[in-house]
N, C-alpha and C. Protein backbone atom coordinates (compact mmCIF):
# COMPACT_ATOMS: atom_id res chain seq x y z
N MET A 1 -9.28 -12.99 13.10
CA MET A 1 -8.76 -11.80 13.78
C MET A 1 -9.38 -11.70 15.16
N ARG A 2 -8.61 -11.30 16.15
CA ARG A 2 -9.13 -11.21 17.50
C ARG A 2 -10.20 -10.14 17.59
N PRO A 3 -11.20 -10.27 18.52
CA PRO A 3 -12.25 -9.27 18.65
C PRO A 3 -11.64 -7.91 18.92
N GLY A 4 -12.17 -6.90 18.25
CA GLY A 4 -11.73 -5.53 18.48
C GLY A 4 -10.59 -5.09 17.61
N VAL A 5 -9.92 -6.04 16.92
CA VAL A 5 -8.76 -5.67 16.11
C VAL A 5 -9.18 -4.83 14.93
N ALA A 6 -10.31 -5.18 14.28
CA ALA A 6 -10.75 -4.40 13.13
C ALA A 6 -11.00 -2.96 13.50
N THR A 7 -11.60 -2.74 14.68
CA THR A 7 -11.84 -1.38 15.14
C THR A 7 -10.54 -0.63 15.32
N LEU A 8 -9.54 -1.31 15.88
CA LEU A 8 -8.25 -0.66 16.09
C LEU A 8 -7.60 -0.32 14.76
N LEU A 9 -7.73 -1.19 13.79
CA LEU A 9 -7.14 -0.92 12.49
C LEU A 9 -7.76 0.32 11.88
N LEU A 10 -9.08 0.47 11.98
CA LEU A 10 -9.74 1.65 11.43
C LEU A 10 -9.33 2.89 12.20
N ALA A 11 -9.23 2.77 13.51
CA ALA A 11 -8.85 3.93 14.31
C ALA A 11 -7.46 4.41 13.96
N SER A 12 -6.58 3.48 13.59
CA SER A 12 -5.21 3.87 13.31
C SER A 12 -5.08 4.69 12.05
N VAL A 13 -6.13 4.76 11.18
CA VAL A 13 -6.08 5.65 10.03
C VAL A 13 -6.97 6.86 10.26
N GLY A 14 -7.37 7.09 11.49
CA GLY A 14 -8.06 8.31 11.83
C GLY A 14 -9.52 8.32 11.47
N CYS A 15 -10.16 7.14 11.33
CA CYS A 15 -11.56 7.09 10.95
C CYS A 15 -12.31 6.19 11.90
N SER A 16 -13.62 6.46 12.05
CA SER A 16 -14.45 5.61 12.88
C SER A 16 -15.10 4.56 12.03
N GLY A 17 -15.14 3.31 12.51
CA GLY A 17 -15.71 2.21 11.73
C GLY A 17 -17.22 2.16 11.88
N GLY A 18 -17.86 1.36 11.03
CA GLY A 18 -19.29 1.17 11.09
C GLY A 18 -19.62 -0.29 11.30
N THR A 19 -20.87 -0.59 11.12
CA THR A 19 -21.31 -1.95 11.35
C THR A 19 -21.63 -2.69 10.06
N THR A 20 -21.67 -1.97 8.93
CA THR A 20 -22.00 -2.62 7.67
C THR A 20 -20.89 -3.57 7.27
N SER A 21 -21.26 -4.79 6.91
CA SER A 21 -20.27 -5.79 6.52
C SER A 21 -19.95 -5.65 5.04
N ARG A 22 -18.69 -5.55 4.71
CA ARG A 22 -18.25 -5.44 3.33
C ARG A 22 -17.23 -6.52 3.05
N PRO A 23 -17.18 -7.01 1.83
CA PRO A 23 -16.15 -7.99 1.50
C PRO A 23 -14.78 -7.35 1.55
N PRO A 24 -13.74 -8.09 1.91
CA PRO A 24 -12.39 -7.54 1.95
C PRO A 24 -11.91 -7.22 0.55
N PRO A 25 -10.90 -6.34 0.43
CA PRO A 25 -10.36 -6.06 -0.90
C PRO A 25 -9.81 -7.31 -1.54
N ALA A 26 -9.80 -7.32 -2.85
CA ALA A 26 -9.29 -8.48 -3.57
C ALA A 26 -7.86 -8.77 -3.17
N ASP A 27 -7.57 -10.02 -2.93
CA ASP A 27 -6.24 -10.45 -2.52
C ASP A 27 -5.52 -11.01 -3.73
N PRO A 28 -4.41 -10.39 -4.15
CA PRO A 28 -3.72 -10.87 -5.33
C PRO A 28 -3.27 -12.30 -5.19
N GLY A 29 -3.09 -12.76 -3.94
CA GLY A 29 -2.67 -14.14 -3.76
C GLY A 29 -3.75 -15.13 -4.15
N ASP A 30 -5.00 -14.63 -4.31
CA ASP A 30 -6.10 -15.52 -4.67
C ASP A 30 -6.21 -15.72 -6.18
N THR A 31 -5.52 -14.89 -6.96
CA THR A 31 -5.63 -14.98 -8.41
C THR A 31 -4.24 -14.97 -9.00
N PRO A 32 -4.08 -15.52 -10.22
CA PRO A 32 -2.76 -15.49 -10.85
C PRO A 32 -2.27 -14.07 -10.99
N HIS A 33 -1.02 -13.85 -10.67
CA HIS A 33 -0.45 -12.50 -10.72
C HIS A 33 0.99 -12.62 -11.16
N SER A 34 1.49 -11.62 -11.85
CA SER A 34 2.85 -11.70 -12.36
C SER A 34 3.63 -10.45 -12.03
N GLN A 35 4.92 -10.62 -11.87
CA GLN A 35 5.80 -9.50 -11.60
C GLN A 35 6.00 -8.71 -12.88
N LEU A 36 6.17 -7.41 -12.74
CA LEU A 36 6.39 -6.58 -13.91
C LEU A 36 7.66 -7.00 -14.63
N ALA A 37 7.63 -6.91 -15.94
CA ALA A 37 8.84 -7.20 -16.71
C ALA A 37 9.91 -6.17 -16.37
N ASP A 38 11.17 -6.54 -16.58
CA ASP A 38 12.27 -5.65 -16.22
C ASP A 38 12.15 -4.28 -16.88
N ASP A 39 11.69 -4.26 -18.14
CA ASP A 39 11.61 -2.98 -18.83
C ASP A 39 10.41 -2.15 -18.37
N ASP A 40 9.54 -2.72 -17.53
CA ASP A 40 8.43 -1.98 -16.95
C ASP A 40 8.74 -1.51 -15.53
N ALA A 41 9.91 -1.86 -15.00
CA ALA A 41 10.24 -1.53 -13.61
C ALA A 41 10.26 -0.02 -13.43
N PHE A 42 9.80 0.42 -12.25
CA PHE A 42 9.74 1.85 -11.96
C PHE A 42 11.13 2.41 -11.73
N LYS A 43 11.44 3.52 -12.36
CA LYS A 43 12.73 4.20 -12.17
C LYS A 43 12.49 5.44 -11.31
N PRO A 44 13.03 5.47 -10.10
CA PRO A 44 12.75 6.60 -9.19
C PRO A 44 13.45 7.88 -9.63
N SER A 45 12.89 9.00 -9.19
CA SER A 45 13.49 10.30 -9.51
C SER A 45 14.50 10.73 -8.45
N TYR A 46 14.49 10.07 -7.27
CA TYR A 46 15.41 10.45 -6.21
C TYR A 46 16.76 9.74 -6.41
N GLY A 47 17.76 10.28 -5.74
CA GLY A 47 19.10 9.74 -5.89
C GLY A 47 19.55 8.91 -4.69
N ALA A 48 20.82 8.49 -4.73
CA ALA A 48 21.36 7.62 -3.69
C ALA A 48 21.38 8.30 -2.33
N SER A 49 21.67 9.59 -2.30
CA SER A 49 21.76 10.27 -1.00
C SER A 49 20.40 10.36 -0.34
N GLU A 50 19.35 10.65 -1.12
CA GLU A 50 18.00 10.70 -0.55
C GLU A 50 17.59 9.32 -0.06
N LEU A 51 17.95 8.29 -0.79
CA LEU A 51 17.61 6.92 -0.39
C LEU A 51 18.32 6.56 0.92
N GLN A 52 19.57 6.95 1.06
CA GLN A 52 20.31 6.68 2.29
C GLN A 52 19.67 7.37 3.49
N LYS A 53 19.27 8.63 3.30
CA LYS A 53 18.62 9.37 4.38
C LYS A 53 17.31 8.69 4.78
N ALA A 54 16.55 8.24 3.79
CA ALA A 54 15.29 7.56 4.08
C ALA A 54 15.53 6.26 4.85
N LEU A 55 16.56 5.52 4.47
CA LEU A 55 16.87 4.27 5.17
C LEU A 55 17.23 4.53 6.63
N ILE A 56 18.02 5.57 6.87
CA ILE A 56 18.39 5.90 8.26
C ILE A 56 17.15 6.25 9.07
N ALA A 57 16.27 7.08 8.49
CA ALA A 57 15.06 7.48 9.20
C ALA A 57 14.15 6.28 9.45
N GLU A 58 14.02 5.41 8.46
CA GLU A 58 13.13 4.26 8.60
C GLU A 58 13.65 3.26 9.62
N ARG A 59 14.96 3.10 9.68
CA ARG A 59 15.51 2.18 10.69
C ARG A 59 15.33 2.74 12.09
N GLY A 60 15.35 4.06 12.21
CA GLY A 60 15.02 4.65 13.51
C GLY A 60 13.57 4.39 13.88
N ALA A 61 12.66 4.53 12.90
CA ALA A 61 11.24 4.25 13.15
C ALA A 61 11.03 2.77 13.45
N GLU A 62 11.80 1.92 12.79
CA GLU A 62 11.71 0.48 13.06
C GLU A 62 12.09 0.18 14.51
N ALA A 63 13.16 0.82 14.99
CA ALA A 63 13.59 0.60 16.37
C ALA A 63 12.50 1.05 17.35
N THR A 64 11.84 2.18 17.04
CA THR A 64 10.74 2.63 17.88
C THR A 64 9.60 1.61 17.87
N GLY A 65 9.28 1.07 16.69
CA GLY A 65 8.23 0.07 16.58
C GLY A 65 8.57 -1.19 17.37
N GLU A 66 9.83 -1.59 17.32
CA GLU A 66 10.25 -2.77 18.08
C GLU A 66 10.11 -2.53 19.57
N ARG A 67 10.42 -1.32 20.01
CA ARG A 67 10.29 -0.99 21.44
C ARG A 67 8.82 -1.02 21.86
N ILE A 68 7.94 -0.49 21.01
CA ILE A 68 6.51 -0.49 21.32
C ILE A 68 5.99 -1.92 21.43
N VAL A 69 6.41 -2.78 20.50
CA VAL A 69 5.98 -4.18 20.55
C VAL A 69 6.47 -4.84 21.83
N ALA A 70 7.73 -4.60 22.20
CA ALA A 70 8.27 -5.20 23.41
C ALA A 70 7.50 -4.73 24.65
N GLU A 71 7.16 -3.43 24.69
CA GLU A 71 6.41 -2.91 25.83
C GLU A 71 5.01 -3.53 25.90
N LEU A 72 4.38 -3.69 24.74
CA LEU A 72 3.03 -4.27 24.73
C LEU A 72 3.07 -5.76 25.07
N GLU A 73 4.14 -6.43 24.66
CA GLU A 73 4.28 -7.84 25.03
C GLU A 73 4.36 -8.00 26.54
N ALA A 74 4.93 -6.98 27.19
CA ALA A 74 5.08 -7.06 28.64
C ALA A 74 3.83 -6.57 29.37
N ASN A 75 3.19 -5.51 28.83
CA ASN A 75 2.12 -4.86 29.59
C ASN A 75 0.84 -4.58 28.83
N GLY A 76 0.83 -4.76 27.52
CA GLY A 76 -0.30 -4.31 26.71
C GLY A 76 -1.38 -5.35 26.54
N THR A 77 -2.39 -4.95 25.77
CA THR A 77 -3.49 -5.86 25.45
C THR A 77 -3.17 -6.62 24.17
N ASP A 78 -3.86 -7.72 23.97
CA ASP A 78 -3.64 -8.52 22.77
C ASP A 78 -3.96 -7.75 21.50
N ASP A 79 -5.04 -6.95 21.52
CA ASP A 79 -5.45 -6.23 20.33
C ASP A 79 -4.41 -5.19 19.92
N ARG A 80 -3.94 -4.42 20.87
CA ARG A 80 -2.92 -3.41 20.56
C ARG A 80 -1.63 -4.07 20.11
N LEU A 81 -1.29 -5.18 20.71
CA LEU A 81 -0.09 -5.90 20.31
C LEU A 81 -0.22 -6.44 18.90
N PHE A 82 -1.40 -6.94 18.54
CA PHE A 82 -1.64 -7.46 17.19
C PHE A 82 -1.38 -6.37 16.15
N VAL A 83 -1.93 -5.18 16.38
CA VAL A 83 -1.77 -4.08 15.44
C VAL A 83 -0.32 -3.61 15.40
N ALA A 84 0.32 -3.51 16.57
CA ALA A 84 1.71 -3.05 16.61
C ALA A 84 2.63 -4.01 15.87
N ARG A 85 2.41 -5.29 16.02
CA ARG A 85 3.23 -6.27 15.30
C ARG A 85 2.99 -6.17 13.79
N ALA A 86 1.73 -6.01 13.40
CA ALA A 86 1.41 -5.90 11.98
C ALA A 86 2.02 -4.65 11.38
N ASP A 87 1.93 -3.53 12.10
CA ASP A 87 2.54 -2.29 11.62
C ASP A 87 4.05 -2.42 11.48
N LEU A 88 4.68 -3.04 12.47
CA LEU A 88 6.13 -3.23 12.42
C LEU A 88 6.52 -4.09 11.22
N ALA A 89 5.75 -5.13 10.96
CA ALA A 89 6.06 -6.01 9.83
C ALA A 89 5.96 -5.25 8.51
N VAL A 90 4.94 -4.39 8.37
CA VAL A 90 4.80 -3.60 7.14
C VAL A 90 5.98 -2.66 6.99
N ARG A 91 6.36 -1.98 8.07
CA ARG A 91 7.50 -1.06 7.97
C ARG A 91 8.78 -1.82 7.61
N GLN A 92 8.98 -2.99 8.19
CA GLN A 92 10.18 -3.76 7.88
C GLN A 92 10.20 -4.18 6.41
N ARG A 93 9.03 -4.48 5.85
CA ARG A 93 8.99 -4.82 4.42
C ARG A 93 9.23 -3.59 3.56
N PHE A 94 8.76 -2.42 4.04
CA PHE A 94 9.05 -1.19 3.32
C PHE A 94 10.56 -0.94 3.32
N ILE A 95 11.20 -1.14 4.47
CA ILE A 95 12.65 -0.99 4.55
C ILE A 95 13.34 -1.96 3.61
N ALA A 96 12.85 -3.19 3.56
CA ALA A 96 13.43 -4.19 2.66
C ALA A 96 13.35 -3.73 1.21
N SER A 97 12.26 -3.05 0.85
CA SER A 97 12.15 -2.55 -0.52
C SER A 97 13.18 -1.46 -0.79
N LEU A 98 13.47 -0.63 0.22
CA LEU A 98 14.50 0.39 0.05
C LEU A 98 15.88 -0.24 -0.10
N VAL A 99 16.13 -1.28 0.67
CA VAL A 99 17.42 -1.97 0.57
C VAL A 99 17.58 -2.60 -0.81
N THR A 100 16.51 -3.23 -1.30
CA THR A 100 16.55 -3.83 -2.64
C THR A 100 16.73 -2.76 -3.70
N CYS A 101 16.06 -1.64 -3.53
CA CYS A 101 16.19 -0.53 -4.47
C CYS A 101 17.63 -0.04 -4.51
N GLU A 102 18.24 0.11 -3.33
CA GLU A 102 19.62 0.59 -3.26
C GLU A 102 20.58 -0.40 -3.93
N ALA A 103 20.34 -1.69 -3.73
CA ALA A 103 21.28 -2.70 -4.22
C ALA A 103 21.10 -3.04 -5.69
N THR A 104 19.84 -3.06 -6.16
CA THR A 104 19.58 -3.59 -7.50
C THR A 104 18.80 -2.65 -8.41
N GLY A 105 18.21 -1.60 -7.83
CA GLY A 105 17.36 -0.71 -8.63
C GLY A 105 15.96 -1.24 -8.80
N ASN A 106 15.59 -2.33 -8.12
CA ASN A 106 14.24 -2.89 -8.19
C ASN A 106 13.45 -2.57 -6.93
N GLN A 107 12.11 -2.68 -7.02
CA GLN A 107 11.20 -2.46 -5.90
C GLN A 107 11.31 -1.04 -5.33
N CYS A 108 11.76 -0.09 -6.13
CA CYS A 108 11.91 1.30 -5.65
C CYS A 108 10.54 1.96 -5.53
N PRO A 109 10.19 2.48 -4.35
CA PRO A 109 8.92 3.21 -4.23
C PRO A 109 9.00 4.53 -4.98
N PRO A 110 7.89 5.02 -5.51
CA PRO A 110 7.92 6.30 -6.22
C PRO A 110 8.27 7.48 -5.34
N ARG A 111 7.96 7.37 -4.04
CA ARG A 111 8.21 8.48 -3.12
C ARG A 111 8.78 7.92 -1.83
N LEU A 112 9.60 8.76 -1.16
CA LEU A 112 10.25 8.33 0.07
C LEU A 112 9.60 8.92 1.31
N ASP A 113 8.69 9.89 1.12
CA ASP A 113 8.02 10.49 2.27
C ASP A 113 6.92 9.56 2.76
N ASP A 114 6.30 9.93 3.86
CA ASP A 114 5.21 9.15 4.44
C ASP A 114 3.95 10.01 4.36
N PRO A 115 3.25 9.99 3.22
CA PRO A 115 2.12 10.92 3.03
C PRO A 115 0.98 10.64 3.98
N THR A 116 0.33 11.71 4.41
CA THR A 116 -0.84 11.58 5.28
C THR A 116 -1.94 10.80 4.56
N TRP A 117 -2.52 9.85 5.26
CA TRP A 117 -3.58 9.04 4.67
C TRP A 117 -4.59 8.69 5.73
N SER A 118 -5.87 9.00 5.49
CA SER A 118 -6.94 8.68 6.44
C SER A 118 -8.15 8.25 5.64
N TYR A 119 -8.59 7.01 5.83
CA TYR A 119 -9.73 6.50 5.07
C TYR A 119 -10.40 5.38 5.84
N ASP A 120 -11.74 5.43 5.88
CA ASP A 120 -12.53 4.40 6.54
C ASP A 120 -13.04 3.43 5.48
N PRO A 121 -12.50 2.21 5.41
CA PRO A 121 -12.94 1.27 4.37
C PRO A 121 -14.21 0.52 4.73
N ASP A 122 -14.79 0.78 5.89
CA ASP A 122 -15.99 0.06 6.32
C ASP A 122 -16.95 1.01 7.02
N PRO A 123 -17.51 1.99 6.29
CA PRO A 123 -18.41 2.96 6.92
C PRO A 123 -19.81 2.39 7.10
N ASP A 124 -20.68 3.18 7.76
CA ASP A 124 -22.06 2.75 7.94
C ASP A 124 -22.82 2.70 6.62
N GLY A 125 -22.51 3.65 5.73
CA GLY A 125 -23.19 3.71 4.45
C GLY A 125 -22.27 3.38 3.30
N PRO A 126 -22.50 4.00 2.14
CA PRO A 126 -21.64 3.77 0.97
C PRO A 126 -20.20 4.21 1.24
N LEU A 127 -19.29 3.61 0.51
CA LEU A 127 -17.89 4.00 0.66
C LEU A 127 -17.73 5.47 0.33
N PRO A 128 -17.05 6.24 1.18
CA PRO A 128 -16.84 7.65 0.87
C PRO A 128 -15.74 7.81 -0.17
N PRO A 129 -15.73 8.92 -0.90
CA PRO A 129 -14.62 9.14 -1.83
C PRO A 129 -13.34 9.40 -1.06
N PRO A 130 -12.22 8.87 -1.52
CA PRO A 130 -10.96 9.11 -0.82
C PRO A 130 -10.47 10.54 -1.05
N LYS A 131 -9.69 11.04 -0.13
CA LYS A 131 -9.11 12.37 -0.28
C LYS A 131 -7.74 12.23 -0.94
N LEU A 132 -7.72 12.43 -2.24
CA LEU A 132 -6.48 12.36 -3.00
C LEU A 132 -6.06 13.76 -3.44
N ASP A 133 -4.81 13.90 -3.80
CA ASP A 133 -4.34 15.17 -4.36
C ASP A 133 -4.90 15.37 -5.76
N ALA A 134 -5.00 14.30 -6.52
CA ALA A 134 -5.55 14.36 -7.88
C ALA A 134 -7.07 14.48 -7.81
N PRO A 135 -7.68 15.30 -8.67
CA PRO A 135 -9.15 15.40 -8.67
C PRO A 135 -9.79 14.09 -9.09
N LEU A 136 -10.93 13.79 -8.47
CA LEU A 136 -11.62 12.54 -8.76
C LEU A 136 -12.49 12.70 -10.01
N ARG A 137 -11.82 12.88 -11.13
CA ARG A 137 -12.47 12.85 -12.43
C ARG A 137 -11.90 11.65 -13.19
N PHE A 138 -12.63 11.19 -14.18
CA PHE A 138 -12.24 9.92 -14.79
C PHE A 138 -12.10 10.00 -16.30
N ASP A 139 -11.73 11.20 -16.78
CA ASP A 139 -11.25 11.32 -18.14
C ASP A 139 -9.84 10.74 -18.19
N LEU A 140 -9.25 10.66 -19.36
CA LEU A 140 -7.97 9.97 -19.51
C LEU A 140 -6.87 10.59 -18.66
N ASP A 141 -6.67 11.89 -18.77
CA ASP A 141 -5.58 12.53 -18.03
C ASP A 141 -5.79 12.42 -16.52
N SER A 142 -7.03 12.61 -16.07
CA SER A 142 -7.31 12.54 -14.63
C SER A 142 -7.11 11.12 -14.10
N TRP A 143 -7.54 10.11 -14.87
CA TRP A 143 -7.37 8.73 -14.42
C TRP A 143 -5.89 8.36 -14.34
N ARG A 144 -5.10 8.85 -15.28
CA ARG A 144 -3.66 8.61 -15.20
C ARG A 144 -3.07 9.25 -13.94
N ALA A 145 -3.52 10.47 -13.61
CA ALA A 145 -3.03 11.14 -12.41
C ALA A 145 -3.45 10.40 -11.14
N ILE A 146 -4.71 9.94 -11.10
CA ILE A 146 -5.20 9.18 -9.94
C ILE A 146 -4.40 7.89 -9.78
N ALA A 147 -4.23 7.16 -10.89
CA ALA A 147 -3.51 5.89 -10.83
C ALA A 147 -2.07 6.10 -10.39
N GLY A 148 -1.43 7.15 -10.88
CA GLY A 148 -0.07 7.44 -10.46
C GLY A 148 0.02 7.77 -8.97
N GLU A 149 -0.96 8.52 -8.47
CA GLU A 149 -0.96 8.84 -7.04
C GLU A 149 -1.21 7.59 -6.20
N LEU A 150 -2.12 6.73 -6.64
CA LEU A 150 -2.36 5.49 -5.91
C LEU A 150 -1.10 4.63 -5.86
N HIS A 151 -0.37 4.59 -6.95
CA HIS A 151 0.91 3.87 -6.97
C HIS A 151 1.85 4.43 -5.91
N GLY A 152 2.00 5.75 -5.90
CA GLY A 152 2.90 6.36 -4.92
C GLY A 152 2.48 6.12 -3.49
N ARG A 153 1.19 6.27 -3.22
CA ARG A 153 0.70 6.09 -1.85
C ARG A 153 0.78 4.63 -1.41
N ALA A 154 0.44 3.71 -2.30
CA ALA A 154 0.48 2.29 -1.94
C ALA A 154 1.89 1.85 -1.57
N CYS A 155 2.85 2.25 -2.36
CA CYS A 155 4.23 1.82 -2.11
C CYS A 155 4.84 2.51 -0.90
N ALA A 156 4.22 3.60 -0.43
CA ALA A 156 4.75 4.35 0.71
C ALA A 156 4.13 3.92 2.03
N CYS A 157 3.21 2.95 2.04
CA CYS A 157 2.54 2.54 3.28
C CYS A 157 3.54 2.02 4.30
N ARG A 158 3.33 2.42 5.55
CA ARG A 158 4.13 1.89 6.67
C ARG A 158 3.26 1.25 7.74
N THR A 159 1.95 1.17 7.53
CA THR A 159 1.06 0.54 8.51
C THR A 159 0.12 -0.43 7.80
N ILE A 160 -0.38 -1.39 8.53
CA ILE A 160 -1.31 -2.36 7.95
C ILE A 160 -2.63 -1.69 7.59
N ALA A 161 -3.05 -0.68 8.34
CA ALA A 161 -4.28 0.03 8.03
C ALA A 161 -4.16 0.75 6.70
N CYS A 162 -3.01 1.33 6.43
CA CYS A 162 -2.77 1.99 5.14
C CYS A 162 -2.84 0.97 4.01
N VAL A 163 -2.18 -0.17 4.19
CA VAL A 163 -2.18 -1.21 3.16
C VAL A 163 -3.60 -1.69 2.88
N ASP A 164 -4.35 -2.01 3.92
CA ASP A 164 -5.69 -2.56 3.73
C ASP A 164 -6.65 -1.53 3.13
N SER A 165 -6.62 -0.29 3.62
CA SER A 165 -7.58 0.70 3.14
C SER A 165 -7.26 1.14 1.72
N LEU A 166 -5.99 1.22 1.35
CA LEU A 166 -5.65 1.57 -0.02
C LEU A 166 -6.05 0.46 -0.99
N GLY A 167 -6.00 -0.78 -0.54
CA GLY A 167 -6.50 -1.86 -1.37
C GLY A 167 -7.98 -1.69 -1.68
N VAL A 168 -8.76 -1.27 -0.70
CA VAL A 168 -10.19 -1.02 -0.90
C VAL A 168 -10.38 0.13 -1.88
N VAL A 169 -9.62 1.20 -1.71
CA VAL A 169 -9.75 2.38 -2.58
C VAL A 169 -9.41 2.03 -4.03
N ILE A 170 -8.33 1.29 -4.23
CA ILE A 170 -7.95 0.91 -5.59
C ILE A 170 -9.04 0.07 -6.24
N ASP A 171 -9.59 -0.90 -5.51
CA ASP A 171 -10.65 -1.73 -6.05
C ASP A 171 -11.87 -0.88 -6.43
N ALA A 172 -12.20 0.11 -5.59
CA ALA A 172 -13.38 0.93 -5.85
C ALA A 172 -13.16 1.87 -7.03
N LEU A 173 -12.01 2.52 -7.09
CA LEU A 173 -11.78 3.52 -8.14
C LEU A 173 -11.52 2.88 -9.49
N GLU A 174 -10.99 1.68 -9.52
CA GLU A 174 -10.65 1.07 -10.79
C GLU A 174 -11.88 0.82 -11.66
N SER A 175 -13.05 0.74 -11.06
CA SER A 175 -14.27 0.50 -11.83
C SER A 175 -14.90 1.79 -12.34
N ARG A 176 -14.35 2.95 -12.01
CA ARG A 176 -15.00 4.21 -12.35
C ARG A 176 -14.79 4.69 -13.78
N PRO A 177 -13.60 4.59 -14.36
CA PRO A 177 -13.43 5.12 -15.72
C PRO A 177 -14.23 4.33 -16.75
N MET A 178 -14.54 5.00 -17.86
CA MET A 178 -15.17 4.32 -18.99
C MET A 178 -14.20 3.30 -19.56
N PRO A 179 -14.69 2.24 -20.22
CA PRO A 179 -13.81 1.17 -20.71
C PRO A 179 -12.63 1.68 -21.53
N GLU A 180 -12.86 2.66 -22.41
CA GLU A 180 -11.77 3.13 -23.25
C GLU A 180 -10.70 3.86 -22.44
N VAL A 181 -11.09 4.42 -21.30
CA VAL A 181 -10.14 5.09 -20.41
C VAL A 181 -9.50 4.07 -19.47
N ALA A 182 -10.31 3.14 -18.95
CA ALA A 182 -9.81 2.14 -18.01
C ALA A 182 -8.74 1.27 -18.64
N GLY A 183 -8.79 1.10 -19.97
CA GLY A 183 -7.81 0.25 -20.62
C GLY A 183 -6.52 0.96 -20.98
N ASP A 184 -6.35 2.20 -20.53
CA ASP A 184 -5.13 2.94 -20.85
C ASP A 184 -3.91 2.24 -20.27
N ASP A 185 -2.88 2.05 -21.08
CA ASP A 185 -1.70 1.30 -20.65
C ASP A 185 -0.99 1.96 -19.48
N ALA A 186 -0.83 3.29 -19.53
CA ALA A 186 -0.09 3.99 -18.48
C ALA A 186 -0.80 3.87 -17.13
N ALA A 187 -2.13 4.08 -17.12
CA ALA A 187 -2.89 3.97 -15.88
C ALA A 187 -2.90 2.54 -15.37
N THR A 188 -3.07 1.58 -16.28
CA THR A 188 -3.08 0.17 -15.89
C THR A 188 -1.75 -0.23 -15.27
N LEU A 189 -0.65 0.25 -15.83
CA LEU A 189 0.66 -0.07 -15.28
C LEU A 189 0.81 0.50 -13.87
N SER A 190 0.33 1.74 -13.65
CA SER A 190 0.41 2.33 -12.31
C SER A 190 -0.40 1.53 -11.30
N ILE A 191 -1.61 1.09 -11.69
CA ILE A 191 -2.44 0.30 -10.79
C ILE A 191 -1.79 -1.05 -10.50
N THR A 192 -1.20 -1.67 -11.52
CA THR A 192 -0.49 -2.94 -11.32
C THR A 192 0.66 -2.76 -10.34
N ARG A 193 1.42 -1.71 -10.53
CA ARG A 193 2.54 -1.43 -9.61
C ARG A 193 2.04 -1.19 -8.19
N ALA A 194 0.93 -0.45 -8.05
CA ALA A 194 0.37 -0.19 -6.72
C ALA A 194 -0.01 -1.49 -6.04
N ARG A 195 -0.67 -2.37 -6.77
CA ARG A 195 -1.08 -3.65 -6.17
C ARG A 195 0.13 -4.50 -5.81
N GLU A 196 1.14 -4.50 -6.65
CA GLU A 196 2.34 -5.28 -6.32
C GLU A 196 2.99 -4.78 -5.03
N CYS A 197 3.00 -3.46 -4.84
CA CYS A 197 3.55 -2.93 -3.59
C CYS A 197 2.71 -3.37 -2.40
N LEU A 198 1.39 -3.31 -2.53
CA LEU A 198 0.52 -3.73 -1.42
C LEU A 198 0.70 -5.20 -1.11
N PHE A 199 0.84 -6.04 -2.14
CA PHE A 199 1.04 -7.47 -1.90
C PHE A 199 2.35 -7.69 -1.16
N ARG A 200 3.38 -7.00 -1.62
CA ARG A 200 4.70 -7.17 -1.02
C ARG A 200 4.69 -6.69 0.44
N LEU A 201 4.01 -5.57 0.70
CA LEU A 201 3.96 -5.05 2.06
C LEU A 201 3.12 -5.94 2.98
N ARG A 202 2.23 -6.73 2.41
CA ARG A 202 1.48 -7.72 3.20
C ARG A 202 2.31 -8.98 3.45
N GLY A 203 3.47 -9.08 2.82
CA GLY A 203 4.31 -10.26 2.99
C GLY A 203 3.99 -11.36 2.02
N LYS A 204 3.31 -11.03 0.93
CA LYS A 204 2.96 -12.04 -0.08
C LYS A 204 3.99 -12.02 -1.20
N ALA A 205 4.39 -13.19 -1.63
CA ALA A 205 5.35 -13.29 -2.72
C ALA A 205 4.67 -12.92 -4.03
N VAL A 206 5.42 -12.28 -4.90
CA VAL A 206 4.92 -11.92 -6.23
C VAL A 206 5.61 -12.82 -7.24
N ALA A 207 4.82 -13.64 -7.93
CA ALA A 207 5.40 -14.60 -8.86
C ALA A 207 5.93 -13.91 -10.10
N ARG A 208 6.98 -14.46 -10.64
CA ARG A 208 7.53 -13.91 -11.88
C ARG A 208 6.65 -14.31 -13.07
N ARG A 209 6.53 -13.38 -14.01
CA ARG A 209 5.76 -13.65 -15.20
C ARG A 209 6.50 -14.65 -16.09
N ALA A 210 5.80 -15.65 -16.56
CA ALA A 210 6.42 -16.64 -17.43
C ALA A 210 6.78 -15.98 -18.76
N PRO A 211 7.95 -16.31 -19.33
CA PRO A 211 8.33 -15.72 -20.61
C PRO A 211 7.37 -16.12 -21.72
N VAL A 212 7.15 -15.18 -22.61
CA VAL A 212 6.24 -15.43 -23.73
C VAL A 212 6.97 -16.26 -24.78
N ALA A 213 6.34 -17.36 -25.22
CA ALA A 213 6.95 -18.21 -26.23
C ALA A 213 6.96 -17.50 -27.57
N GLU A 214 8.04 -17.61 -28.27
CA GLU A 214 8.17 -16.99 -29.58
C GLU A 214 7.75 -17.96 -30.68
């Protein structure tokens, strides 16, 4: 990454970076990963009209992003251009998920809004707790609520900073529940879905799960 890009990425989520070096979030491309089975696919609560409105709005935002990239290519700095291109690519992949959702009912994000998200994944000290709507408790019901919210927020990312920082948050929070809670099927499915969205928004292919031999 070019010098200064990491700082710009942190700034774009409204947080100041630190100097402590931390390992990057786990990259699903580094380990075997499988696509959810068809019967596990997320079924959205919104309808066709809401999806159409979201597509129109997102294509308008895409055009704005393309204009910003073009302006930076002509007059901007390399660091700002790097971030602008990365953000545009994430938004375009988000739009692609909406198109796929409209056509096939697959890759549908849980929410169509763009929720506010601000998190510093590389602070001077310990990682701070994220500001989620769900309370940060780790009993069964609370962990299910947290996992569901992470799924919704991950699939709604439109910037590379959102994608990267939510990956850090998911990795950190997944270790918090007790084993009997962490193994809950509903929460595990939400976390799997969240990671699949983050991988897809990074431009990484998600391999299909091999059929189980009978």
